């Protein structure tokens, strides 16, 4: 079941036999994910799993590094 609000949605996906999931069309469109893009998988045992486009991840890391150098 899908529930869309401005800039948000929730949808369930099933894990296949090879551990793969399909990223829903709404998420691909919202986050501009295209064939061939690289995603970072971040995991925290208590907080769960997150997916980020690599460029967003590296941008966050650079911004965070800049804070430390200030």
PDB file of N, CA and C in Angstrom:
ATOM      1  N   UNK A   1       0.840  -1.185   0.000  1.00  0.00           N
ATOM      2  CA  UNK A   1       0.000   0.000   0.000  1.00  0.00           C
ATOM      3  C   UNK A   1       0.883   1.245   0.000  1.00  0.00           C
ATOM      4  N   UNK A   2       0.527   2.228  -0.777  1.00  0.00           N
ATOM      5  CA  UNK A   2       1.310   3.448  -0.916  1.00  0.00           C
ATOM      6  C   UNK A   2       0.578   4.602  -0.230  1.00  0.00           C
ATOM      7  N   UNK A   3       1.348   5.430   0.427  1.00  0.00           N
ATOM      8  CA  UNK A   3       0.805   6.616   1.066  1.00  0.00           C
ATOM      9  C   UNK A   3       1.715   7.771   0.701  1.00  0.00           C
ATOM     10  N   UNK A   4       1.245   8.672  -0.173  1.00  0.00           N
ATOM     11  CA  UNK A   4       2.096   9.772  -0.634  1.00  0.00           C
ATOM     12  C   UNK A   4       1.697  11.076   0.050  1.00  0.00           C
ATOM     13  N   UNK A   5       2.686  11.773   0.560  1.00  0.00           N
ATOM     14  CA  UNK A   5       2.536  13.139   1.044  1.00  0.00           C
ATOM     15  C   UNK A   5       3.597  13.952   0.313  1.00  0.00           C
ATOM     16  N   UNK A   6       3.578  15.252   0.475  1.00  0.00           N
ATOM     17  CA  UNK A   6       4.548  16.072  -0.237  1.00  0.00           C
ATOM     18  C   UNK A   6       5.970  15.696   0.155  1.00  0.00           C
ATOM     19  N   UNK A   7       6.731  15.179  -0.819  1.00  0.00           N
ATOM     20  CA  UNK A   7       8.124  14.824  -0.583  1.00  0.00           C
ATOM     21  C   UNK A   7       8.341  13.548   0.198  1.00  0.00           C
ATOM     22  N   UNK A   8       7.288  12.782   0.441  1.00  0.00           N
ATOM     23  CA  UNK A   8       7.414  11.540   1.220  1.00  0.00           C
ATOM     24  C   UNK A   8       6.497  10.452   0.657  1.00  0.00           C
ATOM     25  N   UNK A   9       6.860   9.222   0.930  1.00  0.00           N
ATOM     26  CA  UNK A   9       5.969   8.111   0.625  1.00  0.00           C
ATOM     27  C   UNK A   9       6.419   6.901   1.422  1.00  0.00           C
ATOM     28  N   UNK A  10       5.554   5.921   1.490  1.00  0.00           N
ATOM     29  CA  UNK A  10       5.898   4.656   2.131  1.00  0.00           C
ATOM     30  C   UNK A  10       5.343   3.538   1.259  1.00  0.00           C
ATOM     31  N   UNK A  11       6.135   2.524   1.050  1.00  0.00           N
ATOM     32  CA  UNK A  11       5.720   1.390   0.236  1.00  0.00           C
ATOM     33  C   UNK A  11       6.510   0.171   0.697  1.00  0.00           C
ATOM     34  N   UNK A  12       5.922  -0.995   0.623  1.00  0.00           N
ATOM     35  CA  UNK A  12       6.654  -2.207   1.007  1.00  0.00           C
ATOM     36  C   UNK A  12       7.268  -2.851  -0.233  1.00  0.00           C
ATOM     37  N   UNK A  13       8.415  -3.483  -0.045  1.00  0.00           N
ATOM     38  CA  UNK A  13       9.082  -4.233  -1.102  1.00  0.00           C
ATOM     39  C   UNK A  13       9.463  -5.589  -0.533  1.00  0.00           C
ATOM     40  N   UNK A  14       9.601  -6.579  -1.395  1.00  0.00           N
ATOM     41  CA  UNK A  14      10.008  -7.917  -0.967  1.00  0.00           C
ATOM     42  C   UNK A  14      11.437  -8.179  -1.383  1.00  0.00           C
ATOM     43  N   UNK A  15      12.151  -8.875  -0.533  1.00  0.00           N
ATOM     44  CA  UNK A  15      13.523  -9.270  -0.835  1.00  0.00           C
ATOM     45  C   UNK A  15      13.467 -10.566  -1.636  1.00  0.00           C
ATOM     46  N   UNK A  16      14.168 -10.568  -2.795  1.00  0.00           N
ATOM     47  CA  UNK A  16      14.210 -11.744  -3.653  1.00  0.00           C
ATOM     48  C   UNK A  16      15.230 -12.758  -3.173  1.00  0.00           C
ATOM     49  N   UNK A  17      15.314 -13.880  -3.855  1.00  0.00           N
ATOM     50  CA  UNK A  17      16.210 -14.962  -3.435  1.00  0.00           C
ATOM     51  C   UNK A  17      17.691 -14.582  -3.435  1.00  0.00           C
ATOM     52  N   UNK A  18      18.076 -13.561  -4.187  1.00  0.00           N
ATOM     53  CA  UNK A  18      19.473 -13.119  -4.212  1.00  0.00           C
ATOM     54  C   UNK A  18      19.695 -11.913  -3.300  1.00  0.00           C
ATOM     55  N   UNK A  19      18.719 -11.602  -2.440  1.00  0.00           N
ATOM     56  CA  UNK A  19      18.838 -10.464  -1.539  1.00  0.00           C
ATOM     57  C   UNK A  19      18.554  -9.130  -2.193  1.00  0.00           C
ATOM     58  N   UNK A  20      17.944  -9.146  -3.363  1.00  0.00           N
ATOM     59  CA  UNK A  20      17.693  -7.916  -4.112  1.00  0.00           C
ATOM     60  C   UNK A  20      16.299  -7.379  -3.837  1.00  0.00           C
ATOM     61  N   UNK A  21      16.178  -6.044  -3.935  1.00  0.00           N
ATOM     62  CA  UNK A  21      14.876  -5.396  -3.879  1.00  0.00           C
ATOM     63  C   UNK A  21      14.731  -4.517  -5.115  1.00  0.00           C
ATOM     64  N   UNK A  22      13.506  -4.166  -5.439  1.00  0.00           N
ATOM     65  CA  UNK A  22      13.252  -3.221  -6.514  1.00  0.00           C
ATOM     66  C   UNK A  22      12.929  -1.880  -5.874  1.00  0.00           C
ATOM     67  N   UNK A  23      13.640  -0.853  -6.294  1.00  0.00           N
ATOM     68  CA  UNK A  23      13.360   0.486  -5.785  1.00  0.00           C
ATOM     69  C   UNK A  23      12.111   0.984  -6.514  1.00  0.00           C
ATOM     70  N   UNK A  24      11.079   1.313  -5.759  1.00  0.00           N
ATOM     71  CA  UNK A  24       9.821   1.729  -6.387  1.00  0.00           C
ATOM     72  C   UNK A  24       9.989   2.944  -7.297  1.00  0.00           C
ATOM     73  N   UNK A  25       9.149   2.999  -8.318  1.00  0.00           N
ATOM     74  CA  UNK A  25       9.189   4.084  -9.295  1.00  0.00           C
ATOM     75  C   UNK A  25       9.115   5.454  -8.619  1.00  0.00           C
ATOM     76  N   UNK A  26       8.251   5.588  -7.605  1.00  0.00           N
ATOM     77  CA  UNK A  26       8.114   6.864  -6.903  1.00  0.00           C
ATOM     78  C   UNK A  26       9.441   7.308  -6.294  1.00  0.00           C
ATOM     79  N   UNK A  27      10.178   6.375  -5.718  1.00  0.00           N
ATOM     80  CA  UNK A  27      11.476   6.696  -5.109  1.00  0.00           C
ATOM     81  C   UNK A  27      12.501   7.044  -6.186  1.00  0.00           C
ATOM     82  N   UNK A  28      12.516   6.273  -7.272  1.00  0.00           N
ATOM     83  CA  UNK A  28      13.468   6.558  -8.353  1.00  0.00           C
ATOM     84  C   UNK A  28      13.228   7.942  -8.929  1.00  0.00           C
ATOM     85  N   UNK A  29      11.960   8.307  -9.104  1.00  0.00           N
ATOM     86  CA  UNK A  29      11.634   9.626  -9.641  1.00  0.00           C
ATOM     87  C   UNK A  29      11.956  10.733  -8.637  1.00  0.00           C
ATOM     88  N   UNK A  30      11.567  10.541  -7.376  1.00  0.00           N
ATOM     89  CA  UNK A  30      11.773  11.548  -6.346  1.00  0.00           C
ATOM     90  C   UNK A  30      13.254  11.855  -6.134  1.00  0.00           C
ATOM     91  N   UNK A  31      14.085  10.810  -6.200  1.00  0.00           N
ATOM     92  CA  UNK A  31      15.509  10.975  -5.924  1.00  0.00           C
ATOM     93  C   UNK A  31      16.367  10.921  -7.176  1.00  0.00           C
ATOM     94  N   UNK A  32      15.724  11.003  -8.330  1.00  0.00           N
ATOM     95  CA  UNK A  32      16.414  11.042  -9.619  1.00  0.00           C
ATOM     96  C   UNK A  32      17.416   9.883  -9.750  1.00  0.00           C
ATOM     97  N   UNK A  33      16.958   8.677  -9.469  1.00  0.00           N
ATOM     98  CA  UNK A  33      17.782   7.478  -9.570  1.00  0.00           C
ATOM     99  C   UNK A  33      17.554   6.865 -10.947  1.00  0.00           C
ATOM    100  N   UNK A  34      18.651   6.681 -11.684  1.00  0.00           N
ATOM    101  CA  UNK A  34      18.583   6.141 -13.037  1.00  0.00           C
ATOM    102  C   UNK A  34      19.438   4.887 -13.157  1.00  0.00           C
ATOM    103  N   UNK A  35      19.223   4.157 -14.227  1.00  0.00           N
ATOM    104  CA  UNK A  35      20.022   2.969 -14.516  1.00  0.00           C
ATOM    105  C   UNK A  35      21.494   3.352 -14.514  1.00  0.00           C
ATOM    106  N   UNK A  36      22.316   2.586 -13.824  1.00  0.00           N
ATOM    107  CA  UNK A  36      23.750   2.829 -13.776  1.00  0.00           C
ATOM    108  C   UNK A  36      24.201   3.702 -12.622  1.00  0.00           C
ATOM    109  N   UNK A  37      23.260   4.349 -11.915  1.00  0.00           N
ATOM    110  CA  UNK A  37      23.640   5.153 -10.752  1.00  0.00           C
ATOM    111  C   UNK A  37      24.219   4.250  -9.663  1.00  0.00           C
ATOM    112  N   UNK A  38      25.086   4.828  -8.855  1.00  0.00           N
ATOM    113  CA  UNK A  38      25.661   4.106  -7.722  1.00  0.00           C
ATOM    114  C   UNK A  38      24.987   4.598  -6.456  1.00  0.00           C
ATOM    115  N   UNK A  39      24.547   3.652  -5.634  1.00  0.00           N
ATOM    116  CA  UNK A  39      23.921   3.973  -4.358  1.00  0.00           C
ATOM    117  C   UNK A  39      24.803   3.474  -3.226  1.00  0.00           C
ATOM    118  N   UNK A  40      24.812   4.214  -2.133  1.00  0.00           N
ATOM    119  CA  UNK A  40      25.521   3.807  -0.924  1.00  0.00           C
ATOM    120  C   UNK A  40      24.491   3.186   0.009  1.00  0.00           C
ATOM    121  N   UNK A  41      24.844   2.067   0.616  1.00  0.00           N
ATOM    122  CA  UNK A  41      23.978   1.403   1.591  1.00  0.00           C
ATOM    123  C   UNK A  41      24.591   1.655   2.961  1.00  0.00           C
ATOM    124  N   UNK A  42      23.854   2.368   3.806  1.00  0.00           N
ATOM    125  CA  UNK A  42      24.307   2.661   5.158  1.00  0.00           C
ATOM    126  C   UNK A  42      23.472   1.826   6.115  1.00  0.00           C
ATOM    127  N   UNK A  43      24.107   1.230   7.088  1.00  0.00           N
ATOM    128  CA  UNK A  43      23.377   0.394   8.026  1.00  0.00           C
ATOM    129  C   UNK A  43      23.779   0.648   9.465  1.00  0.00           C
ATOM    130  N   UNK A  44      22.797   0.636  10.325  1.00  0.00           N
ATOM    131  CA  UNK A  44      22.991   0.751  11.760  1.00  0.00           C
ATOM    132  C   UNK A  44      22.041  -0.254  12.396  1.00  0.00           C
ATOM    133  N   UNK A  45      22.581  -1.148  13.193  1.00  0.00           N
ATOM    134  CA  UNK A  45      21.776  -2.239  13.742  1.00  0.00           C
ATOM    135  C   UNK A  45      20.544  -1.732  14.496  1.00  0.00           C
ATOM    136  N   UNK A  46      20.653  -0.595  15.159  1.00  0.00           N
ATOM    137  CA  UNK A  46      19.527  -0.060  15.931  1.00  0.00           C
ATOM    138  C   UNK A  46      18.592   0.807  15.100  1.00  0.00           C
ATOM    139  N   UNK A  47      19.149   1.514  14.089  1.00  0.00           N
ATOM    140  CA  UNK A  47      18.345   2.492  13.347  1.00  0.00           C
ATOM    141  C   UNK A  47      17.876   2.005  11.988  1.00  0.00           C
ATOM    142  N   UNK A  48      18.497   0.960  11.434  1.00  0.00           N
ATOM    143  CA  UNK A  48      18.041   0.417  10.168  1.00  0.00           C
ATOM    144  C   UNK A  48      18.982   0.683   9.014  1.00  0.00           C
ATOM    145  N   UNK A  49      18.431   0.600   7.809  1.00  0.00           N
ATOM    146  CA  UNK A  49      19.194   0.714   6.566  1.00  0.00           C
ATOM    147  C   UNK A  49      18.725   1.953   5.811  1.00  0.00           C
ATOM    148  N   UNK A  50      19.687   2.644   5.184  1.00  0.00           N
ATOM    149  CA  UNK A  50      19.364   3.806   4.352  1.00  0.00           C
ATOM    150  C   UNK A  50      20.111   3.679   3.037  1.00  0.00           C
ATOM    151  N   UNK A  51      19.514   4.175   1.978  1.00  0.00           N
ATOM    152  CA  UNK A  51      20.144   4.241   0.660  1.00  0.00           C
ATOM    153  C   UNK A  51      20.327   5.703   0.295  1.00  0.00           C
ATOM    154  N   UNK A  52      21.521   6.041  -0.198  1.00  0.00           N
ATOM    155  CA  UNK A  52      21.804   7.388  -0.677  1.00  0.00           C
ATOM    156  C   UNK A  52      22.512   7.295  -2.010  1.00  0.00           C
ATOM    157  N   UNK A  53      22.203   8.231  -2.908  1.00  0.00           N
ATOM    158  CA  UNK A  53      23.002   8.308  -4.129  1.00  0.00           C
ATOM    159  C   UNK A  53      24.418   8.661  -3.704  1.00  0.00           C
ATOM    160  N   UNK A  54      25.398   8.098  -4.377  1.00  0.00           N
ATOM    161  CA  UNK A  54      26.786   8.309  -3.967  1.00  0.00           C
ATOM    162  C   UNK A  54      27.162   9.785  -3.950  1.00  0.00           C
ATOM    163  N   UNK A  55      26.679  10.559  -4.920  1.00  0.00           N
ATOM    164  CA  UNK A  55      27.027  11.972  -4.965  1.00  0.00           C
ATOM    165  C   UNK A  55      26.496  12.726  -3.743  1.00  0.00           C
ATOM    166  N   UNK A  56      25.313  12.335  -3.253  1.00  0.00           N
ATOM    167  CA  UNK A  56      24.762  12.951  -2.052  1.00  0.00           C
ATOM    168  C   UNK A  56      25.596  12.562  -0.829  1.00  0.00           C
ATOM    169  N   UNK A  57      25.962  11.295  -0.757  1.00  0.00           N
ATOM    170  CA  UNK A  57      26.774  10.804   0.350  1.00  0.00           C
ATOM    171  C   UNK A  57      28.109  11.546   0.405  1.00  0.00           C
ATOM    172  N   UNK A  58      28.800  11.623  -0.726  1.00  0.00           N
ATOM    173  CA  UNK A  58      30.096  12.287  -0.744  1.00  0.00           C
ATOM    174  C   UNK A  58      29.957  13.785  -0.470  1.00  0.00           C
ATOM    175  N   UNK A  59      28.873  14.391  -0.921  1.00  0.00           N
ATOM    176  CA  UNK A  59      28.616  15.799  -0.627  1.00  0.00           C
ATOM    177  C   UNK A  59      28.438  16.024   0.869  1.00  0.00           C
ATOM    178  N   UNK A  60      27.715  15.118   1.522  1.00  0.00           N
ATOM    179  CA  UNK A  60      27.536  15.220   2.972  1.00  0.00           C
ATOM    180  C   UNK A  60      28.863  15.050   3.697  1.00  0.00           C
ATOM    181  N   UNK A  61      29.676  14.131   3.221  1.00  0.00           N
ATOM    182  CA  UNK A  61      30.977  13.900   3.854  1.00  0.00           C
ATOM    183  C   UNK A  61      31.883  15.120   3.697  1.00  0.00           C
ATOM    184  N   UNK A  62      31.867  15.732   2.518  1.00  0.00           N
ATOM    185  CA  UNK A  62      32.680  16.932   2.288  1.00  0.00           C
ATOM    186  C   UNK A  62      32.200  18.087   3.161  1.00  0.00           C
ATOM    187  N   UNK A  63      30.881  18.246   3.272  1.00  0.00           N
ATOM    188  CA  UNK A  63      30.335  19.321   4.108  1.00  0.00           C
ATOM    189  C   UNK A  63      30.700  19.096   5.571  1.00  0.00           C
ATOM    190  N   UNK A  64      30.630  17.858   6.012  1.00  0.00           N
ATOM    191  CA  UNK A  64      30.969  17.519   7.392  1.00  0.00           C
ATOM    192  C   UNK A  64      32.452  17.747   7.643  1.00  0.00           C
ATOM    193  N   UNK A  65      33.306  17.398   6.665  1.00  0.00           N
ATOM    194  CA  UNK A  65      34.742  17.594   6.789  1.00  0.00           C
ATOM    195  C   UNK A  65      35.053  19.083   6.869  1.00  0.00           C
ATOM    196  N   UNK A  66      34.326  19.892   6.122  1.00  0.00           N
ATOM    197  CA  UNK A  66      34.519  21.342   6.160  1.00  0.00           C
ATOM    198  C   UNK A  66      34.197  21.915   7.527  1.00  0.00           C
ATOM    199  N   UNK A  67      33.199  21.348   8.208  1.00  0.00           N
ATOM    200  CA  UNK A  67      32.849  21.797   9.549  1.00  0.00           C
ATOM    201  C   UNK A  67      33.996  21.547  10.517  1.00  0.00           C
ATOM    202  N   UNK A  68      34.691  20.436  10.361  1.00  0.00           N
ATOM    203  CA  UNK A  68      35.785  20.092  11.257  1.00  0.00           C
ATOM    204  C   UNK A  68      36.992  20.994  11.053  1.00  0.00           C
ATOM    205  N   UNK A  69      37.143  21.493   9.816  1.00  0.00           N
ATOM    206  CA  UNK A  69      38.307  22.334   9.494  1.00  0.00           C
ATOM    207  C   UNK A  69      38.070  23.809   9.829  1.00  0.00           C
ATOM    208  N   UNK A  70      36.850  24.142  10.241  1.00  0.00           N
ATOM    209  CA  UNK A  70      36.517  25.555  10.520  1.00  0.00           C
ATOM    210  C   UNK A  70      37.033  25.996  11.869  1.00  0.00           C
TER     211      UNK A  70
END
